[in-house]
């Protein structure tokens, strides 16, 4: 039934043997393994010494709280970002050392210090990690944290499913990390070269690692997209009409519609590859009834919408930060919403520009050139709206705003070079060249800049204190310098004809540019050190930087209405939404200190360890399939099904927070910020404005955070 593979195989360990452990015989991996083991021991030792295992299990590993799940997504993203950056460092170092056909080799390499096989793996791992396991979890984590707060919900629509998505993503990331020390990774690019990744040409386990890690991440992201769409559609607070949604929530809705419709295509393309590699079918095998182009079409039908899956939340972040620090409402709200969905819609019609050189008819290439250029129209609308938002505003250049402006600059550079790539005639000249690499790194870096801006912006909301500024600004400026030093030479080399994925540089004349890029990498390393110092100093001095509910003083949307950090139930009493930019409106009308009298019981989901256990079994299943350890795969499938069935019989899945506990939590939040006297609490004149309602009561029997859309009794409003 299964394809027979040459080489050793045993029923117990499949293809796994001591020879497949590279850290036993490759020095560079040996050192990396030692560092990782040491760091792991330090972390385990610290948690044990501090006696935090119980807290870790109850408070985090089994949580279904959307905020904590979001934080864990972001932690996964940051760890994988660090791994991806290490890969980038190794690539640049190799190319700087290996200039010219006679350049010396070290540690067994012909040129530089990496063999072609090894650097091929690093190229593939770097791309996959940065796109799928760094940027995607970072943005999904931010959406997890912020969207329910912006729409006045108490949690996601499906908290249990939310945790499942997290642990499946974690399983995929763990599989990529496992390939570093057990076996090897794919060496045919992050998106897979057909037919190079077929079993005949890549008989090792690298492609299998790549395929199953990708698949786990795709399943996890699909589950997350279902959850976010359902949350936005069904969990909005009373009065939160569609045209009152914060723009980040609109961007999240558009993003997750893209995910829900594109990730299943990716899963199918990978499943067909799995059938080719394990059962000997020929979906992608030329000459055997298969079609090479089938994979390219299926992959990029997912691949290009994935670009907008990443960019649209970044645009949403910029649309939140710029009005806050311009102290103005967002210019052109309706056109921003339309532009978000226009970008999402056009994203489905551009995938063929990834292979203009694949001998399609001129009319086909022309069609996809035009659709690619169409993306510039809604994107341009957004750029002009951000500029007009800042125009005549009281612009404050604090760290979130600096990151947002950097993202805007990178968007302009990436967008202009993207227009150059949209011409099929241009693409024939620099296809597979590093000009294209420099272009899409501008777009990825704009996403990264937005994410760093979002972390600065919403960090006080999540953790209750603001990040310090000094080290944060050093981090920012060294990132700016590093970007300039790395990517300006890369654009120049791209125009000079340098192609991508080179293990050595053929022309000595390119050496100065490679040296400049290394200076840029050194600046990035310094930026990383400043980032760590930024976090350390902020954590050390957190008591000096406690944040109020509205941490920046000019917040506009609903998340700034509740305490910082946000309590587990988000809002003690569900707010009633009266207008767009509800929080800004309440400040203008003196309604910030209103509450609705006595607190009510709050219905919330209970923590559960089932998603974590199922995620671990999915990891074991993928690992077993990678190494063809059939008993492990079979047991994993049985245990996954068993856990799902057992979970379906579990009835004790929720709890009620009594009003006394809600009151204590609310009082403690205020006392923490104003320990000396409650008289210091800012007081605003209360009451209603016209027919506006401040809060909407929910009965205790209603489900978690489900808002009533009917007409409920007007809440009693006092101060």
Foldseek 3Di string as FASTA:
>chain_A
DWDDDDDDADLFQGQFDPVQFVLVPQPVLVVVVVVVVVVVCVVVVVCVVVVCPVVCVAVALQDLQLLSLLVLLQVQQVVLVVVLLVLVLVQLQLALQFAAPCRPEPRPDRTRDDHLQQNLQSQQSNVQSLQQRHLVSLLLSLCSNPVCLQQLFQHWPDSVLLLLLSLLLVLLSVLSVVCSGGHHADRQHNLDAPPCLFCVNPVALRSLNSLLSLLSSLVSLLSSLVRLLCCVVFQGAAQCDPLQGQQLSLLSNLLSVLSNPQSVLVNVLSVVSVCCRIVVDPQCPPPRPHHVVVSLVSSLLNVQLSLSSSVSSLLSLLQQPLCLQLLFHQAPSVLLSVLSNVLSVLSNQQSCLLCLPPPDDPVSLVSNLVSQVVNVVSVVVSLVRSVVSNVVGNGDPAQLNVLSVLLSVLCVVLVVLSNQSSRSVSCVQQPQALLVVLSVVSSSVSSVSSSVSSCQQCVCQAAQFHFDGPLSVLLVVLLVVLNVQQRVLSNVVSVVPHGPSDSYHHHPVSSVSSVSNSVSSVSNVVSVVSVVVRVVVCVVCRLVGGAALQRSVSRQGSSSLAGGHADSSRDQFRWHADRRSRVNVCVVVQASPKDQPATAKAKFWRGRNLSNVLSVLSSQLSVCVSSVNPVSNVVSVVVNVVSVVVVVPDDRTMDIDGRVVVVVVVVVRQCSVVVPDPVPPDHTDHDDDDPDATGDGDHNPDHRSRHDNDDDPGGHMDD
